[in-house]
Amino acid sequence: MDFRTPVIIPESTFRIDHSTGIMLFGSCFSENMGSKLLEYKFQANVNPFGIVYNPFSVAAVVNRLLSNRNFSGTDLIFHNGVYQSFMHHGRFSHPDKNKCMENISRMFAEAAAFIPRTDVFFITFGTAYVYKLKSTGEVVANCHKFPPDTFIRERL
């Protein structure tokens, strides 16, 4: 008696090798996969905006990058003693506004330069929920520990 069902999977024609440019966006899974790809010397650009969980924010950051719309100081907010962007992970936050902008601009420039070499976009999602600023209706990628009543939570 056979206690398994053999499944024959045809070999894919799609290949990734060390010459493939891979850009990763999204959840911490992208971050972990990206670090492994870099560890094994693949050409990868990993989460240039930091970890971004919801599909709407992933689309927003990819579109912003593809349209080459960099950020400016007006995109920053000051909260809990640091400057930060609602479109970026907390790793970009900094008490000095100029340092915060330098970090954001450097990663944006690196990602923009990588785009022409990108063969594969690797996108992962961590949630189907978005958080919108009550004041503007803008979907944010990161709430940065603002009070919960600052946002409206919605499922996509």
N, C-alpha and C. Protein backbone atom coordinates (compact mmCIF):
# COMPACT_ATOMS: atom_id res chain seq x y z
N MET A 1 0.84 -1.17 0.00
CA MET A 1 0.00 0.00 0.00
C MET A 1 0.89 1.25 0.00
N ASP A 2 0.56 2.20 -0.86
CA ASP A 2 1.34 3.43 -0.98
C ASP A 2 0.63 4.55 -0.22
N PHE A 3 1.33 5.13 0.77
CA PHE A 3 0.73 6.17 1.61
C PHE A 3 1.10 7.58 1.15
N ARG A 4 1.34 7.73 -0.09
CA ARG A 4 1.63 9.06 -0.63
C ARG A 4 1.14 9.13 -2.07
N THR A 5 0.97 10.33 -2.52
CA THR A 5 0.56 10.56 -3.90
C THR A 5 1.72 11.21 -4.62
N PRO A 6 2.34 10.50 -5.53
CA PRO A 6 3.43 11.11 -6.27
C PRO A 6 2.90 12.23 -7.17
N VAL A 7 3.57 13.34 -7.13
CA VAL A 7 3.19 14.49 -7.96
C VAL A 7 4.39 14.83 -8.83
N ILE A 8 4.17 14.83 -10.11
CA ILE A 8 5.24 15.16 -11.05
C ILE A 8 5.12 16.65 -11.38
N ILE A 9 6.14 17.39 -11.05
CA ILE A 9 6.16 18.82 -11.34
C ILE A 9 7.16 19.05 -12.46
N PRO A 10 6.68 19.61 -13.56
CA PRO A 10 7.61 19.85 -14.67
C PRO A 10 8.64 20.92 -14.30
N GLU A 11 9.82 20.78 -14.83
CA GLU A 11 10.88 21.73 -14.56
C GLU A 11 10.51 23.08 -15.17
N SER A 12 10.71 24.12 -14.41
CA SER A 12 10.38 25.47 -14.87
C SER A 12 11.46 26.00 -15.81
N THR A 13 11.04 26.83 -16.75
CA THR A 13 12.00 27.49 -17.63
C THR A 13 12.51 28.78 -16.99
N PHE A 14 11.83 29.24 -15.96
CA PHE A 14 12.23 30.46 -15.25
C PHE A 14 13.39 30.14 -14.32
N ARG A 15 14.46 30.90 -14.44
CA ARG A 15 15.65 30.65 -13.64
C ARG A 15 16.15 31.95 -13.01
N ILE A 16 16.65 31.83 -11.82
CA ILE A 16 17.35 32.92 -11.14
C ILE A 16 18.77 32.43 -10.89
N ASP A 17 19.74 33.24 -11.29
CA ASP A 17 21.13 32.90 -11.00
C ASP A 17 21.85 34.15 -10.50
N HIS A 18 23.15 34.05 -10.35
CA HIS A 18 23.91 35.16 -9.77
C HIS A 18 24.00 36.39 -10.68
N SER A 19 23.57 36.27 -11.92
CA SER A 19 23.56 37.44 -12.80
C SER A 19 22.18 38.12 -12.83
N THR A 20 21.21 37.53 -12.14
CA THR A 20 19.85 38.07 -12.10
C THR A 20 19.76 39.21 -11.09
N GLY A 21 19.24 40.35 -11.52
CA GLY A 21 18.99 41.46 -10.61
C GLY A 21 17.66 41.25 -9.91
N ILE A 22 17.68 41.19 -8.58
CA ILE A 22 16.48 40.89 -7.81
C ILE A 22 16.20 42.05 -6.86
N MET A 23 15.00 42.63 -6.95
CA MET A 23 14.60 43.69 -6.04
C MET A 23 13.47 43.16 -5.17
N LEU A 24 13.64 43.29 -3.86
CA LEU A 24 12.67 42.75 -2.91
C LEU A 24 11.96 43.89 -2.18
N PHE A 25 10.64 43.75 -2.05
CA PHE A 25 9.80 44.70 -1.32
C PHE A 25 8.86 43.92 -0.43
N GLY A 26 8.52 44.51 0.71
CA GLY A 26 7.44 43.95 1.50
C GLY A 26 7.78 43.63 2.93
N SER A 27 7.25 42.50 3.36
CA SER A 27 7.28 42.10 4.77
C SER A 27 8.67 41.64 5.20
N CYS A 28 8.74 41.19 6.44
CA CYS A 28 10.01 40.70 6.97
C CYS A 28 10.47 39.44 6.23
N PHE A 29 9.56 38.74 5.56
CA PHE A 29 9.98 37.59 4.75
C PHE A 29 10.88 38.06 3.61
N SER A 30 10.54 39.18 2.98
CA SER A 30 11.41 39.76 1.94
C SER A 30 12.77 40.11 2.53
N GLU A 31 12.74 40.66 3.73
CA GLU A 31 13.99 41.04 4.40
C GLU A 31 14.86 39.81 4.64
N ASN A 32 14.26 38.74 5.13
CA ASN A 32 15.01 37.51 5.41
C ASN A 32 15.50 36.83 4.13
N MET A 33 14.65 36.76 3.12
CA MET A 33 15.07 36.18 1.85
C MET A 33 16.18 37.02 1.22
N GLY A 34 16.02 38.34 1.29
CA GLY A 34 17.02 39.24 0.73
C GLY A 34 18.36 39.10 1.40
N SER A 35 18.36 38.95 2.73
CA SER A 35 19.65 38.80 3.42
C SER A 35 20.32 37.49 3.03
N LYS A 36 19.53 36.44 2.79
CA LYS A 36 20.11 35.17 2.33
C LYS A 36 20.67 35.32 0.90
N LEU A 37 19.92 36.00 0.05
CA LEU A 37 20.41 36.21 -1.32
C LEU A 37 21.72 36.99 -1.31
N LEU A 38 21.79 38.04 -0.50
CA LEU A 38 23.03 38.83 -0.40
C LEU A 38 24.16 38.00 0.20
N GLU A 39 23.83 37.19 1.20
CA GLU A 39 24.84 36.33 1.82
C GLU A 39 25.47 35.40 0.79
N TYR A 40 24.65 34.92 -0.15
CA TYR A 40 25.15 34.02 -1.18
C TYR A 40 25.54 34.75 -2.47
N LYS A 41 25.77 36.06 -2.32
CA LYS A 41 26.35 36.91 -3.38
C LYS A 41 25.47 37.09 -4.61
N PHE A 42 24.14 37.04 -4.42
CA PHE A 42 23.24 37.38 -5.50
C PHE A 42 23.17 38.90 -5.61
N GLN A 43 22.79 39.40 -6.79
CA GLN A 43 22.61 40.84 -6.99
C GLN A 43 21.20 41.19 -6.53
N ALA A 44 21.10 41.79 -5.34
CA ALA A 44 19.79 42.08 -4.78
C ALA A 44 19.77 43.46 -4.14
N ASN A 45 18.61 44.09 -4.23
CA ASN A 45 18.34 45.33 -3.51
C ASN A 45 17.14 45.01 -2.62
N VAL A 46 17.33 45.13 -1.31
CA VAL A 46 16.36 44.62 -0.35
C VAL A 46 15.64 45.76 0.38
N ASN A 47 14.33 45.79 0.24
CA ASN A 47 13.46 46.72 0.97
C ASN A 47 14.04 48.12 1.12
N PRO A 48 14.16 48.86 0.02
CA PRO A 48 14.75 50.20 0.10
C PRO A 48 13.96 51.19 0.95
N PHE A 49 12.71 50.85 1.30
CA PHE A 49 11.91 51.69 2.19
C PHE A 49 11.78 51.04 3.56
N GLY A 50 12.47 49.94 3.75
CA GLY A 50 12.33 49.17 4.98
C GLY A 50 11.16 48.22 4.85
N ILE A 51 10.85 47.54 5.92
CA ILE A 51 9.75 46.57 5.92
C ILE A 51 8.43 47.32 5.74
N VAL A 52 7.65 46.87 4.75
CA VAL A 52 6.34 47.45 4.44
C VAL A 52 5.38 46.28 4.33
N TYR A 53 4.31 46.28 5.13
CA TYR A 53 3.47 45.08 5.24
C TYR A 53 2.27 45.02 4.31
N ASN A 54 1.58 46.13 4.09
CA ASN A 54 0.31 46.03 3.37
C ASN A 54 0.48 46.25 1.87
N PRO A 55 -0.35 45.60 1.05
CA PRO A 55 -0.22 45.69 -0.41
C PRO A 55 -0.33 47.11 -0.96
N PHE A 56 -1.19 47.94 -0.36
CA PHE A 56 -1.35 49.31 -0.84
C PHE A 56 -0.06 50.09 -0.68
N SER A 57 0.59 49.96 0.47
CA SER A 57 1.85 50.69 0.71
C SER A 57 2.98 50.14 -0.15
N VAL A 58 3.01 48.84 -0.36
CA VAL A 58 4.03 48.27 -1.25
C VAL A 58 3.87 48.85 -2.65
N ALA A 59 2.63 48.90 -3.15
CA ALA A 59 2.38 49.49 -4.47
C ALA A 59 2.78 50.96 -4.50
N ALA A 60 2.49 51.68 -3.43
CA ALA A 60 2.81 53.11 -3.38
C ALA A 60 4.32 53.35 -3.43
N VAL A 61 5.10 52.56 -2.68
CA VAL A 61 6.55 52.79 -2.68
C VAL A 61 7.17 52.34 -4.01
N VAL A 62 6.66 51.26 -4.59
CA VAL A 62 7.17 50.82 -5.89
C VAL A 62 6.86 51.88 -6.95
N ASN A 63 5.64 52.39 -6.96
CA ASN A 63 5.27 53.44 -7.92
C ASN A 63 6.11 54.69 -7.73
N ARG A 64 6.34 55.06 -6.48
CA ARG A 64 7.15 56.25 -6.21
C ARG A 64 8.57 56.06 -6.74
N LEU A 65 9.10 54.88 -6.55
CA LEU A 65 10.45 54.57 -7.03
C LEU A 65 10.49 54.56 -8.56
N LEU A 66 9.53 53.89 -9.18
CA LEU A 66 9.51 53.80 -10.64
C LEU A 66 9.29 55.16 -11.31
N SER A 67 8.59 56.06 -10.63
CA SER A 67 8.39 57.40 -11.19
C SER A 67 9.48 58.37 -10.74
N ASN A 68 10.46 57.85 -10.00
CA ASN A 68 11.63 58.62 -9.55
C ASN A 68 11.25 59.88 -8.76
N ARG A 69 10.24 59.74 -7.89
CA ARG A 69 9.81 60.84 -7.02
C ARG A 69 10.43 60.66 -5.64
N ASN A 70 11.59 61.26 -5.46
CA ASN A 70 12.30 61.16 -4.19
C ASN A 70 11.55 61.92 -3.11
N PHE A 71 11.99 61.78 -1.90
CA PHE A 71 11.35 62.41 -0.75
C PHE A 71 12.04 63.73 -0.43
N SER A 72 11.33 64.57 0.32
CA SER A 72 11.91 65.84 0.77
C SER A 72 11.60 66.01 2.26
N GLY A 73 12.13 67.05 2.84
CA GLY A 73 11.91 67.31 4.26
C GLY A 73 10.44 67.48 4.61
N THR A 74 9.63 67.89 3.65
CA THR A 74 8.19 68.06 3.93
C THR A 74 7.47 66.72 4.09
N ASP A 75 8.12 65.64 3.68
CA ASP A 75 7.54 64.30 3.85
C ASP A 75 7.80 63.73 5.24
N LEU A 76 8.59 64.44 6.03
CA LEU A 76 8.95 63.94 7.36
C LEU A 76 8.01 64.49 8.42
N ILE A 77 7.87 63.70 9.47
CA ILE A 77 7.12 64.11 10.65
C ILE A 77 8.05 64.01 11.85
N PHE A 78 7.81 64.79 12.86
CA PHE A 78 8.61 64.73 14.08
C PHE A 78 7.72 64.19 15.19
N HIS A 79 8.13 63.07 15.77
CA HIS A 79 7.32 62.42 16.81
C HIS A 79 8.25 61.61 17.71
N ASN A 80 8.00 61.69 19.00
CA ASN A 80 8.81 60.96 20.00
C ASN A 80 10.30 61.25 19.86
N GLY A 81 10.63 62.49 19.53
CA GLY A 81 12.03 62.90 19.49
C GLY A 81 12.80 62.55 18.24
N VAL A 82 12.12 62.01 17.22
CA VAL A 82 12.82 61.66 15.98
C VAL A 82 12.01 62.09 14.76
N TYR A 83 12.74 62.33 13.67
CA TYR A 83 12.11 62.58 12.38
C TYR A 83 11.91 61.24 11.70
N GLN A 84 10.78 61.11 11.02
CA GLN A 84 10.46 59.85 10.37
C GLN A 84 9.46 60.09 9.24
N SER A 85 9.30 59.09 8.42
CA SER A 85 8.38 59.16 7.29
C SER A 85 7.34 58.06 7.46
N PHE A 86 6.09 58.38 7.18
CA PHE A 86 5.04 57.37 7.24
C PHE A 86 5.21 56.32 6.14
N MET A 87 6.06 56.58 5.15
CA MET A 87 6.27 55.62 4.06
C MET A 87 7.51 54.74 4.29
N HIS A 88 8.17 54.92 5.44
CA HIS A 88 9.40 54.18 5.71
C HIS A 88 9.34 53.46 7.05
N HIS A 89 10.12 52.42 7.13
CA HIS A 89 10.31 51.67 8.37
C HIS A 89 11.04 52.54 9.39
N GLY A 90 10.92 52.19 10.65
CA GLY A 90 11.56 52.94 11.73
C GLY A 90 13.07 52.99 11.67
N ARG A 91 13.71 52.10 10.91
CA ARG A 91 15.17 52.13 10.84
C ARG A 91 15.68 53.41 10.19
N PHE A 92 14.82 54.15 9.50
CA PHE A 92 15.20 55.42 8.89
C PHE A 92 15.05 56.60 9.84
N SER A 93 14.36 56.39 10.95
CA SER A 93 14.10 57.48 11.91
C SER A 93 15.40 57.97 12.51
N HIS A 94 15.45 59.29 12.77
CA HIS A 94 16.67 59.87 13.34
C HIS A 94 16.32 61.19 14.04
N PRO A 95 16.99 61.50 15.15
CA PRO A 95 16.72 62.77 15.83
C PRO A 95 17.14 63.99 15.01
N ASP A 96 18.06 63.80 14.07
CA ASP A 96 18.51 64.89 13.21
C ASP A 96 17.78 64.78 11.86
N LYS A 97 17.05 65.83 11.52
CA LYS A 97 16.25 65.82 10.28
C LYS A 97 17.11 65.57 9.05
N ASN A 98 18.30 66.19 9.01
CA ASN A 98 19.18 66.02 7.86
C ASN A 98 19.68 64.59 7.73
N LYS A 99 20.01 63.95 8.86
CA LYS A 99 20.46 62.55 8.83
C LYS A 99 19.33 61.64 8.35
N CYS A 100 18.13 61.91 8.82
CA CYS A 100 16.97 61.13 8.39
C CYS A 100 16.82 61.23 6.88
N MET A 101 16.87 62.46 6.35
CA MET A 101 16.75 62.66 4.90
C MET A 101 17.91 62.03 4.14
N GLU A 102 19.12 62.11 4.70
CA GLU A 102 20.27 61.48 4.05
C GLU A 102 20.05 59.98 3.89
N ASN A 103 19.59 59.32 4.96
CA ASN A 103 19.35 57.88 4.92
C ASN A 103 18.28 57.53 3.89
N ILE A 104 17.19 58.28 3.90
CA ILE A 104 16.09 58.03 2.95
C ILE A 104 16.57 58.26 1.52
N SER A 105 17.26 59.38 1.30
CA SER A 105 17.72 59.73 -0.06
C SER A 105 18.76 58.75 -0.58
N ARG A 106 19.66 58.30 0.30
CA ARG A 106 20.70 57.35 -0.12
C ARG A 106 20.08 56.04 -0.57
N MET A 107 19.15 55.52 0.23
CA MET A 107 18.51 54.25 -0.13
C MET A 107 17.66 54.40 -1.39
N PHE A 108 17.00 55.54 -1.53
CA PHE A 108 16.20 55.79 -2.72
C PHE A 108 17.09 55.81 -3.96
N ALA A 109 18.22 56.52 -3.87
CA ALA A 109 19.15 56.62 -5.00
C ALA A 109 19.73 55.25 -5.37
N GLU A 110 20.09 54.46 -4.36
CA GLU A 110 20.61 53.11 -4.63
C GLU A 110 19.56 52.25 -5.33
N ALA A 111 18.33 52.34 -4.85
CA ALA A 111 17.25 51.55 -5.45
C ALA A 111 16.96 52.03 -6.87
N ALA A 112 16.93 53.35 -7.08
CA ALA A 112 16.67 53.90 -8.41
C ALA A 112 17.76 53.47 -9.40
N ALA A 113 19.00 53.42 -8.93
CA ALA A 113 20.11 52.98 -9.79
C ALA A 113 20.03 51.48 -10.08
N PHE A 114 19.41 50.72 -9.18
CA PHE A 114 19.30 49.27 -9.34
C PHE A 114 18.17 48.89 -10.31
N ILE A 115 17.17 49.74 -10.42
CA ILE A 115 15.99 49.44 -11.25
C ILE A 115 16.34 48.98 -12.67
N PRO A 116 17.22 49.68 -13.40
CA PRO A 116 17.52 49.23 -14.77
C PRO A 116 18.14 47.83 -14.83
N ARG A 117 18.74 47.39 -13.74
CA ARG A 117 19.37 46.05 -13.70
C ARG A 117 18.43 45.00 -13.12
N THR A 118 17.21 45.40 -12.76
CA THR A 118 16.29 44.48 -12.10
C THR A 118 15.59 43.58 -13.11
N ASP A 119 15.72 42.29 -12.89
CA ASP A 119 15.04 41.29 -13.72
C ASP A 119 13.81 40.73 -13.01
N VAL A 120 13.86 40.71 -11.67
CA VAL A 120 12.80 40.08 -10.88
C VAL A 120 12.43 40.99 -9.72
N PHE A 121 11.13 41.22 -9.56
CA PHE A 121 10.61 41.87 -8.36
C PHE A 121 10.05 40.78 -7.47
N PHE A 122 10.51 40.75 -6.24
CA PHE A 122 10.08 39.77 -5.25
C PHE A 122 9.28 40.55 -4.22
N ILE A 123 7.96 40.33 -4.16
CA ILE A 123 7.09 41.12 -3.30
C ILE A 123 6.34 40.19 -2.36
N THR A 124 6.38 40.53 -1.07
CA THR A 124 5.64 39.75 -0.07
C THR A 124 4.75 40.70 0.73
N PHE A 125 3.62 40.19 1.17
CA PHE A 125 2.69 40.98 1.97
C PHE A 125 2.57 40.36 3.36
N GLY A 126 2.38 41.21 4.35
CA GLY A 126 2.26 40.71 5.71
C GLY A 126 0.87 40.89 6.29
N THR A 127 0.01 41.66 5.61
CA THR A 127 -1.33 41.91 6.12
C THR A 127 -2.24 42.38 5.00
N ALA A 128 -3.54 42.24 5.22
CA ALA A 128 -4.53 42.77 4.30
C ALA A 128 -5.15 44.04 4.87
N TYR A 129 -4.62 44.51 5.99
CA TYR A 129 -5.13 45.72 6.63
C TYR A 129 -4.26 46.92 6.29
N VAL A 130 -4.90 48.08 6.19
CA VAL A 130 -4.17 49.34 6.01
C VAL A 130 -4.58 50.27 7.14
N TYR A 131 -3.70 51.21 7.41
CA TYR A 131 -3.98 52.26 8.39
C TYR A 131 -3.97 53.59 7.66
N LYS A 132 -5.07 54.34 7.81
CA LYS A 132 -5.19 55.65 7.16
C LYS A 132 -5.15 56.73 8.23
N LEU A 133 -4.44 57.80 7.92
CA LEU A 133 -4.45 58.95 8.81
C LEU A 133 -5.85 59.53 8.84
N LYS A 134 -6.41 59.72 10.03
CA LYS A 134 -7.74 60.32 10.13
C LYS A 134 -7.75 61.72 9.55
N SER A 135 -6.65 62.44 9.71
CA SER A 135 -6.60 63.84 9.28
C SER A 135 -6.61 64.02 7.77
N THR A 136 -6.03 63.05 7.02
CA THR A 136 -5.90 63.23 5.57
C THR A 136 -6.47 62.07 4.75
N GLY A 137 -6.67 60.92 5.36
CA GLY A 137 -7.10 59.74 4.62
C GLY A 137 -5.96 59.01 3.94
N GLU A 138 -4.73 59.52 4.12
CA GLU A 138 -3.55 58.92 3.50
C GLU A 138 -3.23 57.57 4.15
N VAL A 139 -2.98 56.55 3.32
CA VAL A 139 -2.55 55.25 3.83
C VAL A 139 -1.08 55.34 4.20
N VAL A 140 -0.74 54.84 5.38
CA VAL A 140 0.65 54.88 5.83
C VAL A 140 1.24 53.47 5.78
N ALA A 141 2.54 53.41 5.59
CA ALA A 141 3.24 52.13 5.58
C ALA A 141 3.66 51.75 6.99
N ASN A 142 3.81 52.75 7.87
CA ASN A 142 4.26 52.50 9.23
C ASN A 142 3.62 53.53 10.16
N CYS A 143 3.07 53.07 11.27
CA CYS A 143 2.38 53.95 12.22
C CYS A 143 3.32 54.63 13.21
N HIS A 144 4.56 54.17 13.31
CA HIS A 144 5.59 54.77 14.16
C HIS A 144 5.13 55.06 15.59
N LYS A 145 4.35 54.17 16.16
CA LYS A 145 3.91 54.27 17.56
C LYS A 145 3.12 55.55 17.85
N PHE A 146 2.45 56.07 16.84
CA PHE A 146 1.51 57.16 17.08
C PHE A 146 0.32 56.59 17.84
N PRO A 147 -0.42 57.41 18.55
CA PRO A 147 -1.60 56.90 19.26
C PRO A 147 -2.58 56.25 18.27
N PRO A 148 -3.20 55.15 18.69
CA PRO A 148 -4.11 54.43 17.78
C PRO A 148 -5.24 55.30 17.21
N ASP A 149 -5.69 56.30 17.97
CA ASP A 149 -6.80 57.12 17.47
C ASP A 149 -6.37 58.09 16.37
N THR A 150 -5.10 58.05 15.97
CA THR A 150 -4.60 58.85 14.85
C THR A 150 -5.01 58.22 13.52
N PHE A 151 -5.36 56.92 13.56
CA PHE A 151 -5.57 56.15 12.33
C PHE A 151 -6.95 55.51 12.28
N ILE A 152 -7.34 55.18 11.07
CA ILE A 152 -8.50 54.34 10.82
C ILE A 152 -7.96 53.05 10.22
N ARG A 153 -8.34 51.92 10.80
CA ARG A 153 -7.89 50.62 10.30
C ARG A 153 -8.95 50.08 9.35
N GLU A 154 -8.51 49.68 8.16
CA GLU A 154 -9.42 49.12 7.16
C GLU A 154 -8.82 47.87 6.53
N ARG A 155 -9.70 46.95 6.20
CA ARG A 155 -9.24 45.77 5.47
C ARG A 155 -9.43 46.00 3.99
N LEU A 156 -8.42 45.63 3.22
CA LEU A 156 -8.51 45.80 1.76
C LEU A 156 -9.50 44.83 1.16
